[in-house]
Protein backbone atom coordinates (compact mmCIF):
# COMPACT_ATOMS: atom_id res chain seq x y z
CA MET A 1 -6.10 10.12 24.13
CA ASN A 2 -8.10 6.91 24.29
CA SER A 3 -8.98 4.71 21.31
CA ALA A 4 -12.47 6.19 20.92
CA GLN A 5 -11.03 9.71 20.78
CA ALA A 6 -8.38 8.61 18.29
CA ASP A 7 -11.05 7.02 16.08
CA ALA A 8 -13.11 10.21 16.21
CA TYR A 9 -10.05 12.26 15.24
CA LEU A 10 -9.33 9.94 12.32
CA ARG A 11 -12.92 10.33 11.11
CA ARG A 12 -12.50 14.10 11.40
CA ILE A 13 -9.62 14.02 8.90
CA GLY A 14 -11.03 11.19 6.78
CA ALA A 15 -8.29 8.69 7.57
CA GLU A 16 -8.19 5.00 8.44
CA PRO A 17 -6.23 3.73 11.45
CA PRO A 18 -2.70 2.88 10.20
CA ALA A 19 -1.53 -0.70 10.69
CA TRP A 20 1.88 0.53 11.80
CA PRO A 21 3.39 3.95 12.61
CA THR A 22 5.38 4.14 9.37
CA VAL A 23 6.66 7.04 7.27
CA ASP A 24 3.97 6.42 4.63
CA ALA A 25 1.26 6.47 7.32
CA LEU A 26 2.66 9.72 8.74
CA ARG A 27 2.72 11.33 5.30
CA GLU A 28 -0.92 10.44 4.66
CA LEU A 29 -2.10 11.65 8.07
CA HIS A 30 -0.11 14.89 7.68
CA LEU A 31 -1.63 15.73 4.31
CA ARG A 32 -5.18 14.78 5.33
CA HIS A 33 -4.88 17.02 8.38
CA LEU A 34 -3.79 19.98 6.27
CA ARG A 35 -6.72 19.43 3.89
CA THR A 36 -9.43 19.15 6.53
CA VAL A 37 -8.42 21.07 9.67
CA PRO A 38 -7.94 24.76 8.85
CA PHE A 39 -5.24 27.03 10.16
CA GLU A 40 -7.33 29.78 11.74
CA ASN A 41 -7.20 32.39 14.50
CA LEU A 42 -10.92 33.04 14.93
CA SER A 43 -10.95 32.24 18.65
CA ILE A 44 -8.70 35.25 19.30
CA HIS A 45 -11.23 37.61 17.72
CA ARG A 46 -14.33 35.86 19.08
CA GLY A 47 -13.13 36.12 22.67
CA GLU A 48 -12.81 32.35 23.07
CA GLU A 49 -10.30 31.09 25.63
CA ILE A 50 -7.34 29.16 24.24
CA VAL A 51 -6.34 26.41 26.65
CA LEU A 52 -3.37 24.16 25.90
CA GLU A 53 -4.72 20.99 27.41
CA GLU A 54 -5.28 17.84 25.38
CA THR A 55 -8.96 17.47 26.27
CA ARG A 56 -9.75 21.08 25.39
CA LEU A 57 -7.87 20.83 22.09
CA LEU A 58 -9.77 17.68 21.13
CA ASP A 59 -13.07 19.34 22.07
CA LYS A 60 -12.27 22.17 19.66
CA VAL A 61 -10.62 20.38 16.73
CA VAL A 62 -12.65 17.15 16.79
CA GLY A 63 -15.82 17.94 18.76
CA ALA A 64 -16.49 21.44 17.39
CA ARG A 65 -14.79 20.71 14.04
CA ARG A 66 -12.75 23.88 14.25
CA GLY A 67 -9.13 24.59 13.44
CA GLY A 68 -6.61 26.70 15.32
CA PHE A 69 -3.08 28.06 15.20
CA CYS A 70 0.19 26.21 15.75
CA TYR A 71 -0.14 25.40 19.44
CA GLU A 72 -3.61 23.93 18.95
CA LEU A 73 -3.07 22.17 15.61
CA ASN A 74 0.32 20.61 16.30
CA GLY A 75 -0.63 20.00 19.93
CA SER A 76 -3.69 17.98 18.96
CA PHE A 77 -2.02 16.27 15.96
CA GLY A 78 0.90 15.25 18.16
CA ALA A 79 -1.52 13.67 20.63
CA LEU A 80 -3.17 11.73 17.80
CA LEU A 81 0.16 10.48 16.46
CA ALA A 82 1.25 9.35 19.93
CA ALA A 83 -2.03 7.47 20.35
CA LEU A 84 -1.37 5.71 17.04
CA GLY A 85 2.05 4.48 18.19
CA PHE A 86 4.37 7.15 16.79
CA ASP A 87 7.23 8.44 18.97
CA VAL A 88 6.41 12.16 19.24
CA ALA A 89 8.22 15.11 20.83
CA LEU A 90 6.97 18.71 20.98
CA LEU A 91 9.62 21.17 19.80
CA ALA A 92 9.81 24.92 20.34
CA ALA A 93 10.72 27.30 17.53
CA ARG A 94 11.11 31.02 16.99
CA VAL A 95 9.74 32.43 13.75
CA TYR A 96 11.79 34.67 11.49
CA GLY A 97 10.09 38.01 10.93
CA ASP A 98 10.93 41.25 9.16
CA GLY A 99 14.66 41.76 8.78
CA GLU A 100 15.13 38.09 9.59
CA ARG A 101 14.86 38.75 13.29
CA LEU A 102 13.62 35.97 15.50
CA GLY A 103 10.35 36.15 17.38
CA ILE A 104 9.65 35.43 21.02
CA PRO A 105 10.61 32.20 22.81
CA TYR A 106 7.98 29.49 22.29
CA ASP A 107 6.87 31.42 19.23
CA HIS A 108 5.87 28.24 17.43
CA LEU A 109 5.21 24.58 18.21
CA ALA A 110 6.34 21.85 15.81
CA LEU A 111 6.69 18.07 16.09
CA ARG A 112 9.56 15.61 15.92
CA VAL A 113 8.08 12.28 14.90
CA ARG A 114 10.01 8.99 14.88
CA THR A 115 8.60 6.10 12.83
CA VAL A 116 9.14 2.35 13.11
CA ASP A 117 10.85 2.20 9.71
CA GLY A 118 13.52 4.66 10.74
CA GLY A 119 14.36 8.32 10.77
CA ASP A 120 13.17 11.47 12.53
CA TRP A 121 10.66 13.71 10.79
CA LEU A 122 9.60 17.32 11.21
CA ALA A 123 5.81 17.34 11.15
CA ASP A 124 4.10 20.73 11.10
CA VAL A 125 0.39 21.16 10.36
CA GLY A 126 0.23 24.53 12.13
CA PHE A 127 2.39 27.00 10.20
CA GLY A 128 -0.03 28.06 7.50
CA ALA A 129 1.62 27.78 4.09
CA HIS A 130 4.35 25.21 4.70
CA SER A 131 5.33 21.71 3.59
CA HIS A 132 2.50 19.34 2.69
CA PHE A 133 4.49 16.36 3.92
CA PRO A 134 6.85 15.86 6.88
CA LEU A 135 10.47 16.86 6.32
CA ALA A 136 13.42 14.59 7.09
CA LEU A 137 15.08 16.17 10.12
CA GLY A 138 18.47 14.65 9.40
CA ASP A 139 18.58 15.63 5.70
CA ARG A 140 20.70 18.73 5.07
CA GLY A 141 19.99 18.93 1.36
CA GLU A 142 17.04 20.32 -0.57
CA GLN A 143 13.72 18.58 0.08
CA LYS A 144 11.17 18.93 -2.69
CA ASP A 145 7.56 19.22 -1.57
CA PRO A 146 4.29 20.39 -3.16
CA GLY A 147 4.52 23.37 -0.81
CA GLY A 148 7.99 24.39 -2.07
CA THR A 149 11.64 23.47 -1.67
CA PHE A 150 12.78 23.16 1.94
CA ARG A 151 16.12 22.86 3.71
CA ILE A 152 16.97 22.12 7.32
CA VAL A 153 20.41 23.40 8.33
CA GLU A 154 22.32 23.76 11.54
CA ALA A 155 22.13 27.29 12.95
CA GLY A 156 25.57 28.86 13.04
CA PRO A 157 26.84 30.97 15.97
CA ASP A 158 27.11 34.03 13.72
CA ALA A 159 23.36 33.96 13.17
CA ALA A 160 22.63 34.88 16.78
CA GLY A 161 23.65 38.51 16.73
CA VAL A 162 22.60 39.17 13.14
CA ARG A 163 19.17 37.55 13.27
CA GLY A 164 18.18 36.92 16.85
CA GLY A 165 19.95 39.51 18.93
CA HIS A 166 21.49 36.92 21.25
CA ALA A 167 25.12 36.18 21.99
CA THR A 168 24.96 32.40 21.65
CA VAL A 169 23.00 29.74 19.83
CA GLU A 170 22.65 26.15 20.97
CA ALA A 171 24.67 23.92 18.66
CA ALA A 172 21.68 21.66 18.09
CA ASP A 173 19.37 24.44 16.90
CA LEU A 174 18.15 24.07 13.31
CA ASP A 175 17.01 26.66 10.79
CA VAL A 176 14.15 25.60 8.53
CA PHE A 177 14.19 27.28 5.10
CA ARG A 178 11.52 27.50 2.43
CA GLY A 179 13.33 28.46 -0.72
CA ASP A 180 15.88 31.12 0.22
CA ARG A 181 13.94 32.44 3.21
CA PRO A 182 14.34 31.10 6.76
CA GLN A 183 10.98 30.19 8.28
CA TYR A 184 11.88 29.40 11.88
CA ARG A 185 14.67 28.31 14.21
CA LEU A 186 13.91 24.97 15.79
CA GLU A 187 15.17 23.71 19.13
CA VAL A 188 15.58 19.94 19.36
CA ARG A 189 15.00 19.66 23.10
CA PRO A 190 11.57 18.07 23.81
CA ARG A 191 9.04 20.28 25.55
CA ALA A 192 5.71 19.80 27.33
CA LEU A 193 2.50 21.28 25.95
CA GLY A 194 2.17 23.57 28.98
CA ASP A 195 5.54 25.15 28.16
CA PHE A 196 3.88 26.96 25.25
CA ALA A 197 1.17 28.65 27.35
CA ALA A 198 3.02 31.97 27.56
CA GLY A 199 3.63 32.05 23.80
CA ALA A 200 -0.03 31.28 23.08
CA TRP A 201 -1.11 33.99 25.54
CA TRP A 202 1.20 36.58 23.96
CA HIS A 203 0.09 35.79 20.42
CA SER A 204 -3.59 35.91 21.39
CA THR A 205 -3.43 39.15 23.40
CA SER A 206 -0.50 41.35 22.30
CA PRO A 207 -1.45 44.31 20.10
CA VAL A 208 1.76 43.76 18.10
CA SER A 209 1.07 40.10 17.38
CA HIS A 210 0.02 39.55 13.78
CA PHE A 211 -2.63 37.13 15.04
CA THR A 212 -4.53 39.90 16.88
CA ARG A 213 -4.28 42.25 13.90
CA SER A 214 -5.59 39.94 11.17
CA LEU A 215 -8.30 37.38 10.56
CA VAL A 216 -7.26 34.22 8.74
CA CYS A 217 -8.75 30.84 7.91
CA SER A 218 -6.79 28.67 5.47
CA ARG A 219 -6.31 25.09 4.34
CA VAL A 220 -4.68 23.02 1.62
CA THR A 221 -7.04 22.05 -1.21
CA GLU A 222 -7.42 18.65 -2.83
CA ASP A 223 -5.47 19.72 -5.92
CA GLY A 224 -2.47 20.84 -3.86
CA GLY A 225 -3.34 24.52 -3.83
CA ARG A 226 -4.69 26.59 -0.95
CA ILE A 227 -7.85 28.47 -0.08
CA THR A 228 -7.75 31.35 2.39
CA LEU A 229 -10.35 33.67 3.86
CA SER A 230 -8.74 36.84 5.26
CA GLY A 231 -11.47 39.01 6.68
CA ARG A 232 -13.81 39.28 3.69
CA ARG A 233 -11.24 38.45 1.00
CA LEU A 234 -11.43 34.90 -0.35
CA THR A 235 -8.25 33.80 -2.13
CA THR A 236 -7.88 30.58 -4.07
CA THR A 237 -4.34 29.62 -5.04
CA ALA A 238 -3.85 26.78 -7.51
CA ALA A 239 -1.00 24.29 -7.33
CA ASP A 240 0.76 26.19 -10.15
CA GLY A 241 0.70 29.41 -8.09
CA SER A 242 -2.05 31.22 -9.99
CA ARG A 243 -4.44 33.14 -7.77
CA LYS A 244 -8.05 34.26 -7.80
CA GLU A 245 -9.32 36.81 -5.27
CA ARG A 246 -12.71 38.25 -4.55
CA GLU A 247 -14.25 40.38 -1.84
CA LEU A 248 -17.31 38.91 -0.14
CA GLU A 249 -19.84 41.70 0.17
CA THR A 250 -22.41 40.41 2.63
CA ASP A 251 -22.24 38.72 6.02
CA GLU A 252 -24.18 35.81 4.53
CA GLU A 253 -21.45 35.27 1.96
CA VAL A 254 -18.75 35.33 4.62
CA LEU A 255 -20.56 32.90 6.90
CA GLY A 256 -21.30 30.68 3.89
CA ALA A 257 -17.60 30.62 2.96
CA TYR A 258 -16.63 29.57 6.47
CA ARG A 259 -19.26 26.84 6.39
CA GLU A 260 -18.83 25.51 2.84
CA ARG A 261 -15.09 25.98 2.36
CA PHE A 262 -13.82 25.22 5.87
CA GLY A 263 -16.63 23.36 7.61
CA ILE A 264 -16.90 26.02 10.32
CA GLU A 265 -20.34 27.08 11.56
CA LEU A 266 -20.44 30.62 12.99
CA ASP A 267 -23.35 32.65 14.29
CA LYS A 268 -21.86 35.97 13.21
CA VAL A 269 -18.93 37.33 11.23
CA PRO A 270 -15.80 37.72 13.38
CA ALA A 271 -14.52 41.26 13.89
CA LEU A 272 -10.87 42.20 14.32
CA ARG A 273 -9.74 42.41 17.93
CA ASN A 274 -7.02 44.98 17.15
CA PRO A 275 -7.89 46.67 13.85
CA VAL A 276 -4.91 48.40 12.25
């Protein structure tokens, strides 16, 4: 990413170039990204190709002012952070599903970010409802965040058979919890963006992937809550957890919600690729 592309990305999220790649700068960029770039899977249902290449991701997130799912959002955000001087590594994770079983390899992409004022941080702007700020990777206690209480713990060998169906677990693997529920198991070995191509393909084509069976567009709001459009249902969740839901009756209302609430211009309402 060159300086002009980085400047355009910063304008996209309403941020100024940081003087130094510090923790405070990372926290601000992380939150601004969550507020402005939606977590959405519309490309899957619109028949748009998902290509995990930096140029294509920037064209979508910055040029077309769209969002994406984890591979696209964390892939592009990681490229921005690296261009701004942060030490960034792409990390693979497997998401916990029903019965606390782990998903496919390369199920999720997250970021390890190292700042000049010390420490490694877990940055994740592509998991939907998650932490608003980066989490300290080396902290094994509770970490309070507007998005909830999080913990990062070492994955024990007993977790393999019970949760993942595998005989062994790498000693360095980490489980990320939100409250009492595990969110995903994180590998600490750095990966390349192309390593996630198979996971992105599976999630965008498999009839059993939740991404092909649901429409979602969601972002953090200025007050710390969240707004989500799932199909025709618009849900606004306040910072205190209270919710308001309403069904949008007309196509014009749906397209207006995409435009006004998420900054996404569409020519027609997306239809489910694999309706349940």
